[in-house]
Each structure stands twice: as structure tokens, then as C-alpha cells.
Amino acid sequence: MTAPIAIIMGSQSDWDTMRHAADTLAALGVAADTRIVSAHRTPDRLFAFAKGAKTAGYKVIIAGAGGAAHLPGMAASKTLLPVIGVPIQSKAMNGLDSLLSIAQMPAGIPVATVAIGEPGARNAALLATAILAGRHPPLRDALAAFRERQTAEVLAKPDPAAG
């Protein structure tokens, strides 16, 4: 059976960021498949993947892209599944170019957009889990436990000077 979440990216170098989405999903007990499907270098692969994603059993796609960041939008244009775009931090504009490319989708082809880089990859995994959690109580419980641990960590160290 296919994992419920697909993590796609445009190149191998994007894995440095996107692995944080995979790690977060694994920590929550959510299976994910990962693959490189470049919008510019392998558009036929991208279109075939996106068109067949629902039939393959995916429920959510997390798409990381840098620079022109066309991958999330192009994937969204070829599927009815929710697509979450993760802007990869680029050298040219520190990821702002990627963020704006993903966030400025034309009306009618929505892409959820998260923060640039590692925080965005982690939040994409949490958002994808939240999307699935409505129909899967164990995922809802895993997400609730994550939030409780996060809160407990902050409350355990109220004084930043105490180290």
C-alpha cells in the first residue's frame, strides 16, 4: 500500500530541507514516500506522478522547491489532492523568491504555503498530519501528544538565563 503522504522535491539538494518533513512524519507515525520530480528537468515525470497520485493512494502531497519554485503549483494543477508547498532557502534571495513563487498561485489552483526552510518542512508535516487526522483518530492522538510535549518543553525552562 502507498503511504498516505508523498514528499516531492525538485532536486537532491532539496533533501537537506525536506528530510525534516520526513523525520517529523516518522516521529508522528505517519508513512511517507519521497521522490525527486523536477518541474523543469522532468516535467513528464511530474505530470504522471501528480495525475496518478490519488489513484496511487496518496492523500496529501508535500512539495519542496527552491528558486522559481514551480513544483508545488504545477503538482497542484494536475491533482485534486491538497498540496503543501515548502520554500527551499536559496542562495540568490535566501528563499524569499521561493516563498513568493509558491504563495502567489493564481486563483483556482491553491497551494498551502509554509515557512522557508527547515521550519516550513516541519510545519508541512504537521499540517499534512492534521489534514489526515480528521479521519484517523490515532493521528489526531499523535498530533495532540506532539503539542503536549512541545508545551511541556517550554514550561520546563521558564528562565532562559538558567540554561
N, C-alpha and C. Protein backbone atom coordinates (compact mmCIF):
# COMPACT_ATOMS: atom_id res chain seq x y z
N MET A 1 0.84 -1.19 0.00
CA MET A 1 0.00 0.00 0.00
C MET A 1 0.88 1.25 0.00
N THR A 2 0.47 2.23 -0.72
CA THR A 2 1.17 3.51 -0.78
C THR A 2 1.00 4.26 0.52
N ALA A 3 2.04 4.96 0.93
CA ALA A 3 1.94 5.82 2.11
C ALA A 3 0.90 6.91 1.85
N PRO A 4 0.29 7.47 2.89
CA PRO A 4 -0.73 8.50 2.65
C PRO A 4 -0.16 9.85 2.22
N ILE A 5 1.13 10.06 2.44
CA ILE A 5 1.74 11.34 2.10
C ILE A 5 2.91 11.13 1.17
N ALA A 6 2.96 11.95 0.14
CA ALA A 6 4.10 11.96 -0.78
C ALA A 6 4.89 13.24 -0.53
N ILE A 7 6.19 13.10 -0.39
CA ILE A 7 7.09 14.24 -0.27
C ILE A 7 7.88 14.30 -1.57
N ILE A 8 7.67 15.36 -2.33
CA ILE A 8 8.38 15.51 -3.60
C ILE A 8 9.26 16.75 -3.56
N MET A 9 10.31 16.70 -4.36
CA MET A 9 11.23 17.83 -4.42
C MET A 9 11.85 17.87 -5.80
N GLY A 10 12.41 19.04 -6.13
CA GLY A 10 12.94 19.23 -7.47
C GLY A 10 14.34 18.70 -7.70
N SER A 11 15.13 18.53 -6.63
CA SER A 11 16.49 18.04 -6.81
C SER A 11 17.00 17.41 -5.52
N GLN A 12 18.10 16.68 -5.64
CA GLN A 12 18.70 16.01 -4.49
C GLN A 12 19.07 17.02 -3.40
N SER A 13 19.52 18.21 -3.79
CA SER A 13 19.93 19.20 -2.79
C SER A 13 18.76 19.66 -1.92
N ASP A 14 17.53 19.51 -2.39
CA ASP A 14 16.36 19.88 -1.60
C ASP A 14 16.15 18.95 -0.40
N TRP A 15 16.76 17.76 -0.45
CA TRP A 15 16.60 16.79 0.63
C TRP A 15 17.12 17.33 1.96
N ASP A 16 18.13 18.19 1.94
CA ASP A 16 18.64 18.77 3.18
C ASP A 16 17.53 19.45 3.97
N THR A 17 16.58 20.05 3.27
CA THR A 17 15.41 20.67 3.91
C THR A 17 14.27 19.68 4.08
N MET A 18 13.96 18.95 3.04
CA MET A 18 12.77 18.11 3.05
C MET A 18 12.88 16.90 3.98
N ARG A 19 14.10 16.52 4.35
CA ARG A 19 14.24 15.40 5.29
C ARG A 19 13.59 15.73 6.63
N HIS A 20 13.48 17.01 6.95
CA HIS A 20 12.84 17.41 8.20
C HIS A 20 11.34 17.12 8.16
N ALA A 21 10.74 17.21 7.00
CA ALA A 21 9.33 16.80 6.86
C ALA A 21 9.23 15.29 7.05
N ALA A 22 10.11 14.54 6.42
CA ALA A 22 10.10 13.08 6.55
C ALA A 22 10.34 12.65 7.98
N ASP A 23 11.30 13.29 8.65
CA ASP A 23 11.61 12.95 10.05
C ASP A 23 10.43 13.25 10.97
N THR A 24 9.78 14.39 10.75
CA THR A 24 8.64 14.77 11.58
C THR A 24 7.48 13.79 11.39
N LEU A 25 7.22 13.43 10.14
CA LEU A 25 6.16 12.44 9.88
C LEU A 25 6.49 11.11 10.54
N ALA A 26 7.74 10.68 10.43
CA ALA A 26 8.14 9.40 11.04
C ALA A 26 7.94 9.45 12.56
N ALA A 27 8.29 10.57 13.18
CA ALA A 27 8.12 10.71 14.63
C ALA A 27 6.65 10.65 15.03
N LEU A 28 5.77 11.07 14.13
CA LEU A 28 4.33 11.02 14.40
C LEU A 28 3.71 9.68 14.00
N GLY A 29 4.50 8.81 13.40
CA GLY A 29 3.99 7.51 12.97
C GLY A 29 3.24 7.56 11.65
N VAL A 30 3.55 8.55 10.82
CA VAL A 30 2.87 8.70 9.53
C VAL A 30 3.83 8.28 8.42
N ALA A 31 3.41 7.35 7.60
CA ALA A 31 4.25 6.89 6.49
C ALA A 31 4.26 7.92 5.37
N ALA A 32 5.41 8.03 4.71
CA ALA A 32 5.54 8.95 3.58
C ALA A 32 6.50 8.36 2.56
N ASP A 33 6.21 8.60 1.31
CA ASP A 33 7.11 8.26 0.21
C ASP A 33 7.83 9.53 -0.21
N THR A 34 9.09 9.40 -0.59
CA THR A 34 9.85 10.56 -1.05
C THR A 34 10.37 10.30 -2.45
N ARG A 35 10.40 11.38 -3.25
CA ARG A 35 10.94 11.23 -4.61
C ARG A 35 11.28 12.58 -5.20
N ILE A 36 12.19 12.54 -6.16
CA ILE A 36 12.57 13.73 -6.91
C ILE A 36 11.75 13.76 -8.20
N VAL A 37 11.02 14.85 -8.39
CA VAL A 37 10.25 15.07 -9.61
C VAL A 37 10.37 16.56 -9.97
N SER A 38 11.34 16.88 -10.74
CA SER A 38 11.61 18.27 -11.09
C SER A 38 10.58 18.82 -12.07
N ALA A 39 10.07 20.01 -11.75
CA ALA A 39 9.12 20.66 -12.65
C ALA A 39 9.79 21.08 -13.95
N HIS A 40 11.07 21.35 -13.91
CA HIS A 40 11.77 21.85 -15.10
C HIS A 40 12.56 20.78 -15.85
N ARG A 41 13.20 19.87 -15.10
CA ARG A 41 14.05 18.87 -15.76
C ARG A 41 13.30 17.58 -16.09
N THR A 42 12.24 17.27 -15.35
CA THR A 42 11.46 16.05 -15.62
C THR A 42 9.95 16.36 -15.56
N PRO A 43 9.48 17.28 -16.39
CA PRO A 43 8.06 17.65 -16.31
C PRO A 43 7.11 16.49 -16.62
N ASP A 44 7.48 15.59 -17.51
CA ASP A 44 6.61 14.46 -17.80
C ASP A 44 6.47 13.55 -16.58
N ARG A 45 7.57 13.36 -15.85
CA ARG A 45 7.52 12.57 -14.61
C ARG A 45 6.62 13.25 -13.59
N LEU A 46 6.76 14.57 -13.47
CA LEU A 46 5.92 15.32 -12.53
C LEU A 46 4.44 15.18 -12.89
N PHE A 47 4.12 15.38 -14.16
CA PHE A 47 2.72 15.30 -14.56
C PHE A 47 2.16 13.90 -14.33
N ALA A 48 2.93 12.87 -14.66
CA ALA A 48 2.47 11.49 -14.45
C ALA A 48 2.27 11.22 -12.96
N PHE A 49 3.21 11.68 -12.15
CA PHE A 49 3.07 11.49 -10.70
C PHE A 49 1.81 12.19 -10.19
N ALA A 50 1.66 13.47 -10.49
CA ALA A 50 0.54 14.25 -9.96
C ALA A 50 -0.81 13.71 -10.45
N LYS A 51 -0.89 13.37 -11.73
CA LYS A 51 -2.14 12.83 -12.27
C LYS A 51 -2.52 11.51 -11.61
N GLY A 52 -1.52 10.71 -11.25
CA GLY A 52 -1.78 9.39 -10.67
C GLY A 52 -1.71 9.33 -9.16
N ALA A 53 -1.46 10.46 -8.50
CA ALA A 53 -1.24 10.45 -7.06
C ALA A 53 -2.44 9.93 -6.27
N LYS A 54 -3.64 10.36 -6.62
CA LYS A 54 -4.83 9.91 -5.89
C LYS A 54 -5.05 8.42 -6.11
N THR A 55 -4.95 7.97 -7.35
CA THR A 55 -5.12 6.55 -7.66
C THR A 55 -4.08 5.71 -6.94
N ALA A 56 -2.87 6.26 -6.78
CA ALA A 56 -1.80 5.54 -6.09
C ALA A 56 -2.04 5.45 -4.58
N GLY A 57 -3.01 6.22 -4.08
CA GLY A 57 -3.36 6.13 -2.67
C GLY A 57 -2.89 7.29 -1.80
N TYR A 58 -2.23 8.27 -2.40
CA TYR A 58 -1.80 9.42 -1.61
C TYR A 58 -3.01 10.26 -1.22
N LYS A 59 -2.91 10.91 -0.07
CA LYS A 59 -3.95 11.79 0.43
C LYS A 59 -3.50 13.25 0.45
N VAL A 60 -2.19 13.47 0.61
CA VAL A 60 -1.61 14.81 0.68
C VAL A 60 -0.24 14.77 0.01
N ILE A 61 0.10 15.86 -0.67
CA ILE A 61 1.43 15.99 -1.27
C ILE A 61 2.14 17.17 -0.61
N ILE A 62 3.36 16.93 -0.16
CA ILE A 62 4.24 17.99 0.33
C ILE A 62 5.29 18.19 -0.75
N ALA A 63 5.38 19.40 -1.28
CA ALA A 63 6.29 19.67 -2.39
C ALA A 63 7.28 20.77 -2.02
N GLY A 64 8.56 20.42 -1.99
CA GLY A 64 9.59 21.40 -1.69
C GLY A 64 10.23 21.90 -2.97
N ALA A 65 10.45 23.21 -3.05
CA ALA A 65 11.04 23.77 -4.27
C ALA A 65 11.77 25.05 -3.95
N GLY A 66 12.87 25.27 -4.66
CA GLY A 66 13.65 26.49 -4.49
C GLY A 66 13.63 27.31 -5.76
N GLY A 67 14.21 28.50 -5.67
CA GLY A 67 14.30 29.38 -6.84
C GLY A 67 12.93 29.75 -7.37
N ALA A 68 12.68 29.42 -8.63
CA ALA A 68 11.40 29.73 -9.26
C ALA A 68 10.24 28.98 -8.61
N ALA A 69 10.55 27.88 -7.95
CA ALA A 69 9.59 27.12 -7.13
C ALA A 69 8.29 26.77 -7.85
N HIS A 70 8.39 26.22 -9.03
CA HIS A 70 7.20 25.85 -9.79
C HIS A 70 6.61 24.50 -9.40
N LEU A 71 7.38 23.66 -8.71
CA LEU A 71 6.93 22.30 -8.43
C LEU A 71 5.60 22.23 -7.68
N PRO A 72 5.42 22.94 -6.56
CA PRO A 72 4.14 22.82 -5.85
C PRO A 72 2.93 23.24 -6.71
N GLY A 73 3.05 24.34 -7.41
CA GLY A 73 1.94 24.81 -8.23
C GLY A 73 1.64 23.90 -9.40
N MET A 74 2.67 23.41 -10.05
CA MET A 74 2.46 22.50 -11.18
C MET A 74 1.85 21.19 -10.70
N ALA A 75 2.30 20.70 -9.54
CA ALA A 75 1.68 19.49 -8.99
C ALA A 75 0.21 19.74 -8.68
N ALA A 76 -0.07 20.87 -8.05
CA ALA A 76 -1.46 21.21 -7.70
C ALA A 76 -2.34 21.35 -8.94
N SER A 77 -1.75 21.80 -10.04
CA SER A 77 -2.54 21.97 -11.26
C SER A 77 -2.94 20.65 -11.90
N LYS A 78 -2.29 19.56 -11.48
CA LYS A 78 -2.55 18.25 -12.08
C LYS A 78 -3.19 17.25 -11.12
N THR A 79 -3.58 17.70 -9.92
CA THR A 79 -4.23 16.80 -8.97
C THR A 79 -5.26 17.58 -8.17
N LEU A 80 -6.22 16.85 -7.60
CA LEU A 80 -7.19 17.46 -6.69
C LEU A 80 -6.79 17.28 -5.24
N LEU A 81 -5.68 16.58 -4.99
CA LEU A 81 -5.20 16.40 -3.62
C LEU A 81 -4.66 17.70 -3.06
N PRO A 82 -4.70 17.86 -1.73
CA PRO A 82 -4.08 19.04 -1.14
C PRO A 82 -2.58 19.01 -1.35
N VAL A 83 -2.02 20.14 -1.72
CA VAL A 83 -0.58 20.29 -1.91
C VAL A 83 -0.07 21.36 -0.95
N ILE A 84 0.97 21.01 -0.21
CA ILE A 84 1.60 21.95 0.71
C ILE A 84 2.98 22.27 0.14
N GLY A 85 3.22 23.55 -0.13
CA GLY A 85 4.49 23.97 -0.71
C GLY A 85 5.48 24.41 0.36
N VAL A 86 6.69 23.87 0.28
CA VAL A 86 7.76 24.24 1.20
C VAL A 86 8.81 25.01 0.41
N PRO A 87 8.99 26.29 0.69
CA PRO A 87 10.03 27.07 0.01
C PRO A 87 11.42 26.66 0.52
N ILE A 88 12.28 26.28 -0.40
CA ILE A 88 13.66 25.91 -0.05
C ILE A 88 14.49 27.19 0.00
N GLN A 89 15.30 27.31 1.03
CA GLN A 89 16.14 28.50 1.17
C GLN A 89 17.18 28.51 0.04
N SER A 90 17.13 29.54 -0.77
CA SER A 90 18.05 29.65 -1.90
C SER A 90 19.18 30.61 -1.57
N LYS A 91 20.24 30.53 -2.37
CA LYS A 91 21.36 31.43 -2.17
C LYS A 91 21.06 32.82 -2.74
N ALA A 92 20.34 32.85 -3.83
CA ALA A 92 20.11 34.12 -4.51
C ALA A 92 19.31 35.10 -3.66
N MET A 93 18.22 34.65 -3.07
CA MET A 93 17.34 35.56 -2.33
C MET A 93 16.97 35.01 -0.96
N ASN A 94 17.76 34.07 -0.48
CA ASN A 94 17.56 33.50 0.86
C ASN A 94 16.20 32.82 1.02
N GLY A 95 15.59 32.40 -0.07
CA GLY A 95 14.32 31.69 -0.03
C GLY A 95 13.10 32.55 -0.26
N LEU A 96 13.29 33.87 -0.26
CA LEU A 96 12.14 34.76 -0.49
C LEU A 96 11.56 34.55 -1.88
N ASP A 97 12.42 34.32 -2.87
CA ASP A 97 11.95 34.04 -4.22
C ASP A 97 11.06 32.79 -4.24
N SER A 98 11.49 31.75 -3.53
CA SER A 98 10.72 30.51 -3.47
C SER A 98 9.38 30.73 -2.76
N LEU A 99 9.43 31.43 -1.64
CA LEU A 99 8.22 31.71 -0.88
C LEU A 99 7.18 32.45 -1.72
N LEU A 100 7.62 33.50 -2.38
CA LEU A 100 6.68 34.29 -3.18
C LEU A 100 6.15 33.51 -4.38
N SER A 101 6.99 32.69 -5.00
CA SER A 101 6.53 31.88 -6.13
C SER A 101 5.44 30.91 -5.71
N ILE A 102 5.59 30.31 -4.53
CA ILE A 102 4.60 29.34 -4.06
C ILE A 102 3.34 30.06 -3.56
N ALA A 103 3.54 31.14 -2.82
CA ALA A 103 2.39 31.83 -2.21
C ALA A 103 1.51 32.54 -3.24
N GLN A 104 2.08 32.96 -4.35
CA GLN A 104 1.33 33.77 -5.33
C GLN A 104 0.70 32.93 -6.44
N MET A 105 0.10 31.82 -6.07
CA MET A 105 -0.61 31.00 -7.06
C MET A 105 -1.86 31.73 -7.52
N PRO A 106 -2.21 31.57 -8.80
CA PRO A 106 -3.43 32.22 -9.29
C PRO A 106 -4.67 31.59 -8.65
N ALA A 107 -5.71 32.36 -8.56
CA ALA A 107 -6.96 31.84 -8.01
C ALA A 107 -7.40 30.61 -8.78
N GLY A 108 -7.80 29.60 -8.05
CA GLY A 108 -8.29 28.38 -8.67
C GLY A 108 -7.34 27.21 -8.54
N ILE A 109 -6.08 27.46 -8.26
CA ILE A 109 -5.10 26.38 -8.05
C ILE A 109 -4.42 26.66 -6.70
N PRO A 110 -5.05 26.27 -5.59
CA PRO A 110 -4.48 26.59 -4.28
C PRO A 110 -3.30 25.69 -3.92
N VAL A 111 -2.34 26.29 -3.26
CA VAL A 111 -1.21 25.59 -2.65
C VAL A 111 -1.04 26.18 -1.26
N ALA A 112 -1.14 25.34 -0.24
CA ALA A 112 -0.85 25.81 1.11
C ALA A 112 0.64 26.10 1.18
N THR A 113 1.01 27.22 1.77
CA THR A 113 2.40 27.62 1.81
C THR A 113 2.85 27.76 3.26
N VAL A 114 4.02 27.22 3.56
CA VAL A 114 4.57 27.28 4.91
C VAL A 114 5.86 28.10 4.88
N ALA A 115 6.52 28.19 6.00
CA ALA A 115 7.74 28.99 6.14
C ALA A 115 8.88 28.45 5.29
N ILE A 116 9.88 29.27 5.10
CA ILE A 116 11.07 28.91 4.34
C ILE A 116 11.93 27.93 5.14
N GLY A 117 12.45 26.92 4.46
CA GLY A 117 13.45 26.03 5.04
C GLY A 117 12.93 25.01 6.02
N GLU A 118 13.82 24.64 6.97
CA GLU A 118 13.51 23.58 7.94
C GLU A 118 12.21 23.82 8.71
N PRO A 119 11.95 25.04 9.24
CA PRO A 119 10.68 25.22 9.96
C PRO A 119 9.47 24.94 9.06
N GLY A 120 9.56 25.34 7.81
CA GLY A 120 8.47 25.07 6.88
C GLY A 120 8.29 23.59 6.61
N ALA A 121 9.40 22.87 6.46
CA ALA A 121 9.31 21.43 6.22
C ALA A 121 8.65 20.73 7.40
N ARG A 122 9.05 21.11 8.61
CA ARG A 122 8.44 20.51 9.80
C ARG A 122 6.95 20.88 9.89
N ASN A 123 6.62 22.14 9.63
CA ASN A 123 5.21 22.56 9.67
C ASN A 123 4.40 21.90 8.57
N ALA A 124 4.99 21.66 7.41
CA ALA A 124 4.27 20.96 6.34
C ALA A 124 3.88 19.56 6.80
N ALA A 125 4.79 18.89 7.49
CA ALA A 125 4.48 17.55 8.01
C ALA A 125 3.36 17.61 9.04
N LEU A 126 3.40 18.61 9.91
CA LEU A 126 2.35 18.75 10.92
C LEU A 126 1.00 19.09 10.28
N LEU A 127 1.03 19.96 9.27
CA LEU A 127 -0.21 20.31 8.56
C LEU A 127 -0.77 19.11 7.81
N ALA A 128 0.09 18.36 7.14
CA ALA A 128 -0.37 17.16 6.43
C ALA A 128 -0.98 16.17 7.40
N THR A 129 -0.37 16.01 8.56
CA THR A 129 -0.91 15.11 9.58
C THR A 129 -2.26 15.60 10.07
N ALA A 130 -2.39 16.91 10.27
CA ALA A 130 -3.67 17.48 10.70
C ALA A 130 -4.75 17.24 9.66
N ILE A 131 -4.40 17.32 8.38
CA ILE A 131 -5.37 17.06 7.32
C ILE A 131 -5.87 15.62 7.41
N LEU A 132 -4.97 14.70 7.66
CA LEU A 132 -5.34 13.28 7.75
C LEU A 132 -6.03 12.95 9.07
N ALA A 133 -5.73 13.70 10.12
CA ALA A 133 -6.19 13.36 11.47
C ALA A 133 -7.70 13.40 11.62
N GLY A 134 -8.39 14.16 10.81
CA GLY A 134 -9.84 14.22 10.90
C GLY A 134 -10.51 12.88 10.69
N ARG A 135 -9.88 12.01 9.92
CA ARG A 135 -10.45 10.69 9.64
C ARG A 135 -9.68 9.56 10.31
N HIS A 136 -8.60 9.89 11.00
CA HIS A 136 -7.76 8.86 11.61
C HIS A 136 -7.42 9.26 13.05
N PRO A 137 -8.25 8.80 14.01
CA PRO A 137 -8.03 9.17 15.41
C PRO A 137 -6.62 8.91 15.93
N PRO A 138 -5.92 7.83 15.52
CA PRO A 138 -4.55 7.66 16.03
C PRO A 138 -3.62 8.81 15.61
N LEU A 139 -3.84 9.37 14.44
CA LEU A 139 -3.03 10.51 14.02
C LEU A 139 -3.40 11.76 14.82
N ARG A 140 -4.67 11.91 15.11
CA ARG A 140 -5.11 13.03 15.96
C ARG A 140 -4.44 12.92 17.33
N ASP A 141 -4.38 11.69 17.87
CA ASP A 141 -3.75 11.47 19.17
C ASP A 141 -2.25 11.75 19.11
N ALA A 142 -1.60 11.34 18.02
CA ALA A 142 -0.16 11.59 17.86
C ALA A 142 0.12 13.09 17.77
N LEU A 143 -0.73 13.80 17.06
CA LEU A 143 -0.57 15.25 16.93
C LEU A 143 -0.80 15.94 18.28
N ALA A 144 -1.80 15.49 19.03
CA ALA A 144 -2.06 16.06 20.35
C ALA A 144 -0.88 15.80 21.29
N ALA A 145 -0.32 14.61 21.23
CA ALA A 145 0.83 14.27 22.08
C ALA A 145 2.04 15.13 21.71
N PHE A 146 2.24 15.36 20.42
CA PHE A 146 3.33 16.23 19.97
C PHE A 146 3.17 17.62 20.57
N ARG A 147 1.97 18.17 20.49
CA ARG A 147 1.72 19.51 21.02
C ARG A 147 1.93 19.57 22.53
N GLU A 148 1.49 18.51 23.21
CA GLU A 148 1.67 18.47 24.67
C GLU A 148 3.16 18.43 25.04
N ARG A 149 3.96 17.64 24.31
CA ARG A 149 5.41 17.58 24.56
C ARG A 149 6.05 18.93 24.29
N GLN A 150 5.62 19.57 23.22
CA GLN A 150 6.15 20.87 22.87
C GLN A 150 5.87 21.90 23.97
N THR A 151 4.66 21.89 24.48
CA THR A 151 4.29 22.80 25.57
C THR A 151 5.08 22.48 26.83
N ALA A 152 5.21 21.21 27.16
CA ALA A 152 5.93 20.80 28.37
C ALA A 152 7.40 21.24 28.30
N GLU A 153 8.01 21.15 27.12
CA GLU A 153 9.40 21.58 26.97
C GLU A 153 9.56 23.07 27.25
N VAL A 154 8.63 23.86 26.79
CA VAL A 154 8.69 25.31 27.04
C VAL A 154 8.46 25.61 28.51
N LEU A 155 7.47 24.95 29.11
CA LEU A 155 7.15 25.21 30.52
C LEU A 155 8.26 24.72 31.46
N ALA A 156 9.03 23.72 31.03
CA ALA A 156 10.09 23.19 31.88
C ALA A 156 11.27 24.15 32.04
N LYS A 157 11.39 25.13 31.15
CA LYS A 157 12.50 26.08 31.20
C LYS A 157 11.98 27.52 31.07
N PRO A 158 11.32 28.01 32.12
CA PRO A 158 10.76 29.36 32.02
C PRO A 158 11.80 30.48 32.08
N ASP A 159 13.00 30.18 32.62
CA ASP A 159 14.03 31.20 32.75
C ASP A 159 15.13 30.93 31.72
N PRO A 160 15.23 31.73 30.67
CA PRO A 160 16.24 31.48 29.63
C PRO A 160 17.67 31.61 30.15
N ALA A 161 17.88 32.38 31.20
CA ALA A 161 19.22 32.56 31.75
C ALA A 161 19.68 31.35 32.58
N ALA A 162 18.73 30.49 32.96
CA ALA A 162 19.07 29.33 33.79
C ALA A 162 19.75 28.23 32.98
N GLY A 163 19.68 28.33 31.66
CA GLY A 163 20.34 27.37 30.76
C GLY A 163 19.68 26.08 30.77
